[in-house]
Amino acid sequence: MPVRANEDVLRGAGLRVTTQRLAVLDALAEFPHATVTVVASMVQDRLGKVSIQAIYDVLEACVGAGLVRRIEPAGSPARFEIRTGDNHHHLVCRACGRTTDVDCASGSRPCLTPSNDAGYEVDEAEVLFWGRCPDCQQEDPQGTKELLA
């Protein structure tokens, strides 16, 4: 995403434009489903010394503003992406942790309806599909490698 567009996105969400916020959005555009560690490394490569706490703060502000989505696959660190608002889901490889977007099966929010909503007003469904990615299947066709989750 071009810098100008990211500036407009931040302003549109009511957030101040800072070099750290721009760098985080750029990192997530380049590497979707990145962990905080990966984002921090990419930002530090671009800007120099930036604390991990500053990266957490930027991510939290962007998640709160709806610019970034946080996903938390079991047994894996939280991951972040800039694809938001479309209620898409994820495929997660049990062997290597690779995460891939998969569009919502029905196309509208929420794309799944619980059998009993217990009085909740449901507005989103978060689904993680677990399996092995094509690379891990090729590397270990019998599935004997230890799995993450």
N, C-alpha and C. Protein backbone atom coordinates (compact mmCIF):
# COMPACT_ATOMS: atom_id res chain seq x y z
N MET A 1 0.86 -1.18 0.00
CA MET A 1 0.00 0.00 0.00
C MET A 1 0.90 1.24 0.00
N PRO A 2 0.68 2.18 -0.90
CA PRO A 2 1.52 3.38 -0.94
C PRO A 2 1.42 4.19 0.35
N VAL A 3 2.50 4.90 0.68
CA VAL A 3 2.56 5.67 1.92
C VAL A 3 1.38 6.63 2.00
N ARG A 4 1.09 7.34 0.92
CA ARG A 4 -0.02 8.32 0.93
C ARG A 4 -1.33 7.66 1.32
N ALA A 5 -1.59 6.48 0.77
CA ALA A 5 -2.82 5.76 1.10
C ALA A 5 -2.84 5.40 2.58
N ASN A 6 -1.71 4.95 3.12
CA ASN A 6 -1.65 4.62 4.55
C ASN A 6 -1.88 5.85 5.41
N GLU A 7 -1.36 6.98 5.00
CA GLU A 7 -1.62 8.22 5.73
C GLU A 7 -3.11 8.52 5.76
N ASP A 8 -3.76 8.39 4.62
CA ASP A 8 -5.20 8.63 4.54
C ASP A 8 -5.99 7.63 5.38
N VAL A 9 -5.55 6.37 5.37
CA VAL A 9 -6.21 5.33 6.16
C VAL A 9 -6.13 5.67 7.64
N LEU A 10 -4.95 6.06 8.11
CA LEU A 10 -4.78 6.41 9.52
C LEU A 10 -5.65 7.61 9.89
N ARG A 11 -5.59 8.65 9.08
CA ARG A 11 -6.41 9.84 9.36
C ARG A 11 -7.89 9.50 9.35
N GLY A 12 -8.30 8.69 8.39
CA GLY A 12 -9.71 8.30 8.29
C GLY A 12 -10.20 7.53 9.50
N ALA A 13 -9.29 6.85 10.17
CA ALA A 13 -9.64 6.09 11.38
C ALA A 13 -9.48 6.94 12.64
N GLY A 14 -9.11 8.21 12.45
CA GLY A 14 -8.96 9.10 13.60
C GLY A 14 -7.63 8.94 14.33
N LEU A 15 -6.65 8.34 13.67
CA LEU A 15 -5.34 8.13 14.29
C LEU A 15 -4.33 9.12 13.70
N ARG A 16 -3.41 9.56 14.55
CA ARG A 16 -2.32 10.41 14.08
C ARG A 16 -1.42 9.62 13.15
N VAL A 17 -0.89 10.29 12.16
CA VAL A 17 0.06 9.66 11.25
C VAL A 17 1.44 9.76 11.87
N THR A 18 2.06 8.60 12.13
CA THR A 18 3.42 8.56 12.65
C THR A 18 4.25 7.62 11.78
N THR A 19 5.54 7.78 11.82
CA THR A 19 6.40 6.90 11.02
C THR A 19 6.28 5.45 11.48
N GLN A 20 6.11 5.25 12.78
CA GLN A 20 5.96 3.88 13.29
C GLN A 20 4.66 3.24 12.79
N ARG A 21 3.57 3.99 12.81
CA ARG A 21 2.29 3.44 12.32
C ARG A 21 2.37 3.14 10.83
N LEU A 22 2.98 4.03 10.08
CA LEU A 22 3.15 3.79 8.64
C LEU A 22 3.99 2.55 8.39
N ALA A 23 5.07 2.41 9.15
CA ALA A 23 5.96 1.26 8.97
C ALA A 23 5.26 -0.05 9.34
N VAL A 24 4.43 -0.04 10.38
CA VAL A 24 3.69 -1.25 10.77
C VAL A 24 2.70 -1.63 9.67
N LEU A 25 1.96 -0.67 9.15
CA LEU A 25 1.00 -0.97 8.07
C LEU A 25 1.72 -1.47 6.82
N ASP A 26 2.86 -0.89 6.51
CA ASP A 26 3.66 -1.36 5.37
C ASP A 26 4.11 -2.80 5.59
N ALA A 27 4.58 -3.10 6.81
CA ALA A 27 5.04 -4.46 7.12
C ALA A 27 3.92 -5.47 6.96
N LEU A 28 2.72 -5.12 7.43
CA LEU A 28 1.59 -6.04 7.33
C LEU A 28 1.09 -6.18 5.90
N ALA A 29 1.26 -5.15 5.09
CA ALA A 29 0.90 -5.25 3.67
C ALA A 29 1.86 -6.21 2.97
N GLU A 30 3.12 -6.18 3.38
CA GLU A 30 4.15 -7.03 2.78
C GLU A 30 4.09 -8.46 3.31
N PHE A 31 3.73 -8.62 4.58
CA PHE A 31 3.76 -9.93 5.22
C PHE A 31 2.49 -10.14 6.03
N PRO A 32 1.39 -10.51 5.36
CA PRO A 32 0.14 -10.77 6.09
C PRO A 32 0.32 -11.91 7.09
N HIS A 33 -0.41 -11.85 8.18
CA HIS A 33 -0.41 -12.86 9.24
C HIS A 33 0.90 -12.87 10.01
N ALA A 34 1.55 -11.72 10.09
CA ALA A 34 2.82 -11.61 10.79
C ALA A 34 2.62 -11.58 12.30
N THR A 35 3.58 -12.15 13.01
CA THR A 35 3.60 -12.05 14.47
C THR A 35 4.20 -10.70 14.85
N VAL A 36 4.08 -10.35 16.12
CA VAL A 36 4.68 -9.10 16.61
C VAL A 36 6.18 -9.10 16.35
N THR A 37 6.82 -10.24 16.56
CA THR A 37 8.27 -10.34 16.35
C THR A 37 8.65 -10.04 14.91
N VAL A 38 7.88 -10.56 13.97
CA VAL A 38 8.16 -10.32 12.55
C VAL A 38 7.91 -8.86 12.21
N VAL A 39 6.79 -8.31 12.68
CA VAL A 39 6.49 -6.90 12.42
C VAL A 39 7.60 -6.03 13.00
N ALA A 40 8.00 -6.30 14.23
CA ALA A 40 9.05 -5.51 14.87
C ALA A 40 10.34 -5.55 14.08
N SER A 41 10.73 -6.72 13.61
CA SER A 41 11.96 -6.87 12.83
C SER A 41 11.88 -6.04 11.54
N MET A 42 10.74 -6.10 10.87
CA MET A 42 10.57 -5.36 9.62
C MET A 42 10.60 -3.85 9.87
N VAL A 43 9.93 -3.42 10.93
CA VAL A 43 9.90 -1.99 11.28
C VAL A 43 11.30 -1.52 11.67
N GLN A 44 12.00 -2.31 12.47
CA GLN A 44 13.35 -1.95 12.90
C GLN A 44 14.31 -1.89 11.71
N ASP A 45 14.15 -2.78 10.75
CA ASP A 45 14.97 -2.73 9.54
C ASP A 45 14.75 -1.41 8.79
N ARG A 46 13.52 -0.94 8.83
CA ARG A 46 13.18 0.28 8.09
C ARG A 46 13.52 1.56 8.86
N LEU A 47 13.24 1.55 10.18
CA LEU A 47 13.37 2.78 10.96
C LEU A 47 14.54 2.81 11.93
N GLY A 48 15.17 1.69 12.15
CA GLY A 48 16.19 1.63 13.19
C GLY A 48 15.58 1.17 14.50
N LYS A 49 16.12 1.63 15.59
CA LYS A 49 15.69 1.17 16.91
C LYS A 49 14.25 1.60 17.22
N VAL A 50 13.38 0.62 17.37
CA VAL A 50 11.99 0.82 17.80
C VAL A 50 11.71 -0.28 18.80
N SER A 51 11.16 0.07 19.95
CA SER A 51 10.93 -0.93 20.99
C SER A 51 9.77 -1.85 20.61
N ILE A 52 9.84 -3.06 21.14
CA ILE A 52 8.74 -4.02 20.96
C ILE A 52 7.46 -3.44 21.55
N GLN A 53 7.57 -2.74 22.68
CA GLN A 53 6.38 -2.14 23.29
C GLN A 53 5.73 -1.13 22.34
N ALA A 54 6.54 -0.37 21.63
CA ALA A 54 6.00 0.59 20.66
C ALA A 54 5.24 -0.14 19.55
N ILE A 55 5.75 -1.27 19.13
CA ILE A 55 5.07 -2.07 18.09
C ILE A 55 3.75 -2.59 18.63
N TYR A 56 3.76 -3.11 19.86
CA TYR A 56 2.51 -3.55 20.49
C TYR A 56 1.50 -2.40 20.57
N ASP A 57 1.96 -1.23 20.96
CA ASP A 57 1.08 -0.06 21.08
C ASP A 57 0.47 0.31 19.74
N VAL A 58 1.29 0.32 18.68
CA VAL A 58 0.78 0.64 17.34
C VAL A 58 -0.24 -0.41 16.90
N LEU A 59 0.09 -1.67 17.08
CA LEU A 59 -0.84 -2.73 16.69
C LEU A 59 -2.15 -2.63 17.46
N GLU A 60 -2.07 -2.37 18.75
CA GLU A 60 -3.28 -2.24 19.57
C GLU A 60 -4.14 -1.08 19.08
N ALA A 61 -3.52 0.06 18.79
CA ALA A 61 -4.26 1.22 18.29
C ALA A 61 -4.91 0.90 16.95
N CYS A 62 -4.18 0.22 16.09
CA CYS A 62 -4.71 -0.11 14.76
C CYS A 62 -5.82 -1.17 14.84
N VAL A 63 -5.68 -2.14 15.74
CA VAL A 63 -6.75 -3.12 15.95
C VAL A 63 -7.99 -2.40 16.49
N GLY A 64 -7.80 -1.53 17.47
CA GLY A 64 -8.92 -0.79 18.06
C GLY A 64 -9.63 0.09 17.05
N ALA A 65 -8.89 0.60 16.07
CA ALA A 65 -9.48 1.47 15.04
C ALA A 65 -10.05 0.67 13.87
N GLY A 66 -9.90 -0.65 13.91
CA GLY A 66 -10.42 -1.49 12.84
C GLY A 66 -9.55 -1.55 11.60
N LEU A 67 -8.31 -1.09 11.70
CA LEU A 67 -7.39 -1.12 10.55
C LEU A 67 -6.62 -2.42 10.45
N VAL A 68 -6.49 -3.10 11.57
CA VAL A 68 -5.72 -4.34 11.64
C VAL A 68 -6.57 -5.37 12.37
N ARG A 69 -6.48 -6.60 11.93
CA ARG A 69 -7.18 -7.71 12.57
C ARG A 69 -6.16 -8.60 13.26
N ARG A 70 -6.49 -9.01 14.48
CA ARG A 70 -5.65 -9.92 15.26
C ARG A 70 -6.28 -11.29 15.20
N ILE A 71 -5.50 -12.29 14.86
CA ILE A 71 -5.99 -13.67 14.92
C ILE A 71 -5.07 -14.45 15.87
N GLU A 72 -5.65 -15.40 16.58
CA GLU A 72 -4.90 -16.13 17.58
C GLU A 72 -5.10 -17.64 17.44
N PRO A 73 -4.40 -18.25 16.48
CA PRO A 73 -4.51 -19.71 16.36
C PRO A 73 -3.97 -20.40 17.62
N ALA A 74 -4.64 -21.43 18.06
CA ALA A 74 -4.21 -22.17 19.25
C ALA A 74 -2.78 -22.65 19.09
N GLY A 75 -1.98 -22.48 20.13
CA GLY A 75 -0.61 -22.95 20.12
C GLY A 75 0.34 -22.09 19.30
N SER A 76 -0.11 -20.93 18.90
CA SER A 76 0.69 -20.05 18.05
C SER A 76 0.60 -18.63 18.59
N PRO A 77 1.63 -17.82 18.40
CA PRO A 77 1.52 -16.42 18.82
C PRO A 77 0.45 -15.70 17.99
N ALA A 78 -0.06 -14.62 18.53
CA ALA A 78 -1.03 -13.81 17.79
C ALA A 78 -0.41 -13.36 16.47
N ARG A 79 -1.25 -13.27 15.47
CA ARG A 79 -0.84 -12.81 14.15
C ARG A 79 -1.72 -11.63 13.76
N PHE A 80 -1.19 -10.79 12.89
CA PHE A 80 -1.89 -9.57 12.53
C PHE A 80 -1.96 -9.43 11.01
N GLU A 81 -3.05 -8.84 10.54
CA GLU A 81 -3.23 -8.62 9.12
C GLU A 81 -4.03 -7.34 8.88
N ILE A 82 -3.89 -6.79 7.68
CA ILE A 82 -4.63 -5.57 7.35
C ILE A 82 -5.91 -5.86 6.58
N ARG A 83 -6.17 -7.11 6.27
CA ARG A 83 -7.43 -7.47 5.61
C ARG A 83 -8.50 -7.54 6.70
N THR A 84 -9.35 -6.54 6.74
CA THR A 84 -10.37 -6.45 7.80
C THR A 84 -11.75 -6.22 7.20
N GLY A 85 -12.76 -6.44 8.02
CA GLY A 85 -14.12 -6.06 7.67
C GLY A 85 -14.86 -6.99 6.74
N ASP A 86 -14.23 -8.06 6.27
CA ASP A 86 -14.92 -8.94 5.33
C ASP A 86 -15.25 -10.31 5.92
N ASN A 87 -14.94 -10.51 7.20
CA ASN A 87 -15.26 -11.76 7.91
C ASN A 87 -14.66 -12.99 7.22
N HIS A 88 -13.47 -12.84 6.63
CA HIS A 88 -12.83 -14.01 6.03
C HIS A 88 -12.26 -14.90 7.13
N HIS A 89 -11.88 -16.09 6.75
CA HIS A 89 -11.38 -17.08 7.69
C HIS A 89 -9.94 -17.45 7.34
N HIS A 90 -9.41 -18.46 8.03
CA HIS A 90 -8.01 -18.82 7.83
C HIS A 90 -7.80 -20.33 7.81
N LEU A 91 -6.85 -20.74 6.99
CA LEU A 91 -6.32 -22.10 7.00
C LEU A 91 -4.98 -22.03 7.72
N VAL A 92 -4.75 -22.92 8.68
CA VAL A 92 -3.51 -22.91 9.44
C VAL A 92 -2.87 -24.29 9.33
N CYS A 93 -1.60 -24.30 8.95
CA CYS A 93 -0.86 -25.56 8.84
C CYS A 93 -0.44 -26.02 10.23
N ARG A 94 -0.80 -27.25 10.57
CA ARG A 94 -0.43 -27.81 11.88
C ARG A 94 1.07 -28.08 11.99
N ALA A 95 1.74 -28.24 10.86
CA ALA A 95 3.16 -28.58 10.89
C ALA A 95 4.06 -27.35 10.98
N CYS A 96 3.81 -26.34 10.13
CA CYS A 96 4.72 -25.19 10.07
C CYS A 96 4.10 -23.87 10.54
N GLY A 97 2.78 -23.85 10.73
CA GLY A 97 2.12 -22.64 11.20
C GLY A 97 1.72 -21.67 10.10
N ARG A 98 2.04 -21.99 8.85
CA ARG A 98 1.65 -21.12 7.72
C ARG A 98 0.16 -20.83 7.81
N THR A 99 -0.20 -19.58 7.58
CA THR A 99 -1.59 -19.15 7.67
C THR A 99 -2.00 -18.55 6.33
N THR A 100 -3.15 -18.97 5.83
CA THR A 100 -3.65 -18.55 4.53
C THR A 100 -5.09 -18.08 4.66
N ASP A 101 -5.42 -16.99 3.97
CA ASP A 101 -6.79 -16.50 3.97
C ASP A 101 -7.70 -17.42 3.17
N VAL A 102 -8.93 -17.55 3.62
CA VAL A 102 -9.97 -18.25 2.87
C VAL A 102 -11.25 -17.42 3.02
N ASP A 103 -11.89 -17.13 1.90
CA ASP A 103 -13.08 -16.30 1.93
C ASP A 103 -14.21 -16.99 2.66
N CYS A 104 -15.10 -16.19 3.20
CA CYS A 104 -16.28 -16.68 3.92
C CYS A 104 -17.13 -17.51 2.96
N ALA A 105 -17.62 -18.63 3.44
CA ALA A 105 -18.37 -19.56 2.60
C ALA A 105 -19.68 -18.97 2.07
N SER A 106 -20.35 -18.13 2.84
CA SER A 106 -21.63 -17.61 2.39
C SER A 106 -21.55 -16.17 1.92
N GLY A 107 -20.44 -15.50 2.17
CA GLY A 107 -20.23 -14.17 1.63
C GLY A 107 -20.71 -13.01 2.46
N SER A 108 -21.47 -13.23 3.52
CA SER A 108 -21.93 -12.09 4.32
C SER A 108 -21.68 -12.36 5.80
N ARG A 109 -21.65 -11.27 6.58
CA ARG A 109 -21.38 -11.37 8.01
C ARG A 109 -22.65 -11.65 8.78
N PRO A 110 -22.64 -12.45 9.81
CA PRO A 110 -21.68 -13.52 9.99
C PRO A 110 -22.01 -14.65 9.03
N CYS A 111 -21.00 -15.32 8.55
CA CYS A 111 -21.27 -16.35 7.55
C CYS A 111 -21.67 -17.68 8.18
N LEU A 112 -21.60 -17.77 9.48
CA LEU A 112 -22.08 -18.96 10.21
C LEU A 112 -23.05 -18.50 11.28
N THR A 113 -24.04 -19.31 11.54
CA THR A 113 -25.02 -19.01 12.57
C THR A 113 -24.95 -20.10 13.63
N PRO A 114 -24.78 -19.73 14.90
CA PRO A 114 -24.71 -20.76 15.95
C PRO A 114 -26.06 -21.46 16.11
N SER A 115 -26.02 -22.70 16.54
CA SER A 115 -27.26 -23.45 16.73
C SER A 115 -28.11 -22.84 17.84
N ASN A 116 -27.45 -22.15 18.80
CA ASN A 116 -28.16 -21.43 19.85
C ASN A 116 -27.36 -20.18 20.15
N ASP A 117 -27.93 -19.01 19.88
CA ASP A 117 -27.18 -17.77 20.08
C ASP A 117 -27.23 -17.25 21.51
N ALA A 118 -27.96 -17.94 22.40
CA ALA A 118 -28.01 -17.60 23.83
C ALA A 118 -28.35 -16.13 24.06
N GLY A 119 -29.08 -15.54 23.13
CA GLY A 119 -29.49 -14.15 23.28
C GLY A 119 -28.49 -13.14 22.75
N TYR A 120 -27.36 -13.62 22.25
CA TYR A 120 -26.34 -12.72 21.71
C TYR A 120 -26.78 -12.17 20.36
N GLU A 121 -26.34 -10.98 20.05
CA GLU A 121 -26.48 -10.43 18.70
C GLU A 121 -25.17 -10.74 17.99
N VAL A 122 -25.15 -11.78 17.20
CA VAL A 122 -23.93 -12.26 16.55
C VAL A 122 -23.63 -11.40 15.32
N ASP A 123 -22.39 -10.85 15.27
CA ASP A 123 -22.03 -10.02 14.13
C ASP A 123 -20.80 -10.51 13.38
N GLU A 124 -20.15 -11.55 13.92
CA GLU A 124 -18.95 -12.06 13.26
C GLU A 124 -18.74 -13.51 13.65
N ALA A 125 -18.22 -14.28 12.71
CA ALA A 125 -17.83 -15.66 12.98
C ALA A 125 -16.35 -15.79 12.65
N GLU A 126 -15.58 -16.34 13.57
CA GLU A 126 -14.15 -16.54 13.34
C GLU A 126 -13.90 -18.03 13.23
N VAL A 127 -13.40 -18.44 12.07
CA VAL A 127 -13.19 -19.86 11.82
C VAL A 127 -11.73 -20.09 11.46
N LEU A 128 -11.14 -21.10 12.08
CA LEU A 128 -9.80 -21.55 11.71
C LEU A 128 -9.92 -22.98 11.20
N PHE A 129 -9.48 -23.20 9.99
CA PHE A 129 -9.41 -24.54 9.42
C PHE A 129 -7.98 -25.03 9.65
N TRP A 130 -7.84 -26.22 10.21
CA TRP A 130 -6.52 -26.77 10.51
C TRP A 130 -6.20 -27.93 9.58
N GLY A 131 -4.96 -28.06 9.20
CA GLY A 131 -4.51 -29.15 8.35
C GLY A 131 -3.03 -28.99 8.08
N ARG A 132 -2.58 -29.53 6.94
CA ARG A 132 -1.18 -29.37 6.54
C ARG A 132 -1.12 -28.68 5.19
N CYS A 133 -0.25 -27.69 5.09
CA CYS A 133 -0.10 -26.94 3.84
C CYS A 133 0.53 -27.83 2.77
N PRO A 134 0.44 -27.41 1.50
CA PRO A 134 1.01 -28.23 0.42
C PRO A 134 2.51 -28.50 0.60
N ASP A 135 3.28 -27.52 1.08
CA ASP A 135 4.72 -27.73 1.26
C ASP A 135 5.00 -28.82 2.30
N CYS A 136 4.27 -28.78 3.41
CA CYS A 136 4.48 -29.78 4.47
C CYS A 136 3.99 -31.16 4.02
N GLN A 137 2.94 -31.21 3.22
CA GLN A 137 2.48 -32.49 2.68
C GLN A 137 3.55 -33.11 1.77
N GLN A 138 4.18 -32.26 0.96
CA GLN A 138 5.21 -32.75 0.05
C GLN A 138 6.46 -33.18 0.81
N GLU A 139 6.82 -32.40 1.84
CA GLU A 139 8.01 -32.70 2.63
C GLU A 139 7.83 -33.97 3.45
N ASP A 140 6.61 -34.21 3.93
CA ASP A 140 6.34 -35.34 4.82
C ASP A 140 4.99 -35.97 4.44
N PRO A 141 4.95 -36.72 3.33
CA PRO A 141 3.69 -37.26 2.83
C PRO A 141 2.91 -38.13 3.82
N GLN A 142 3.61 -38.80 4.72
CA GLN A 142 2.94 -39.67 5.68
C GLN A 142 2.45 -38.94 6.91
N GLY A 143 2.83 -37.68 7.04
CA GLY A 143 2.38 -36.90 8.20
C GLY A 143 3.01 -37.34 9.50
N THR A 144 4.26 -37.78 9.45
CA THR A 144 4.92 -38.28 10.67
C THR A 144 5.63 -37.20 11.45
N LYS A 145 5.83 -36.02 10.82
CA LYS A 145 6.48 -34.90 11.51
C LYS A 145 5.59 -34.42 12.64
N GLU A 146 6.20 -34.01 13.75
CA GLU A 146 5.44 -33.52 14.89
C GLU A 146 4.63 -32.28 14.50
N LEU A 147 3.38 -32.26 14.92
CA LEU A 147 2.48 -31.17 14.57
C LEU A 147 2.43 -30.13 15.67
N LEU A 148 2.10 -28.87 15.27
CA LEU A 148 2.05 -27.75 16.23
C LEU A 148 0.88 -27.85 17.18
N ALA A 149 -0.30 -28.14 16.68
CA ALA A 149 -1.50 -28.11 17.55
C ALA A 149 -2.33 -29.34 17.35
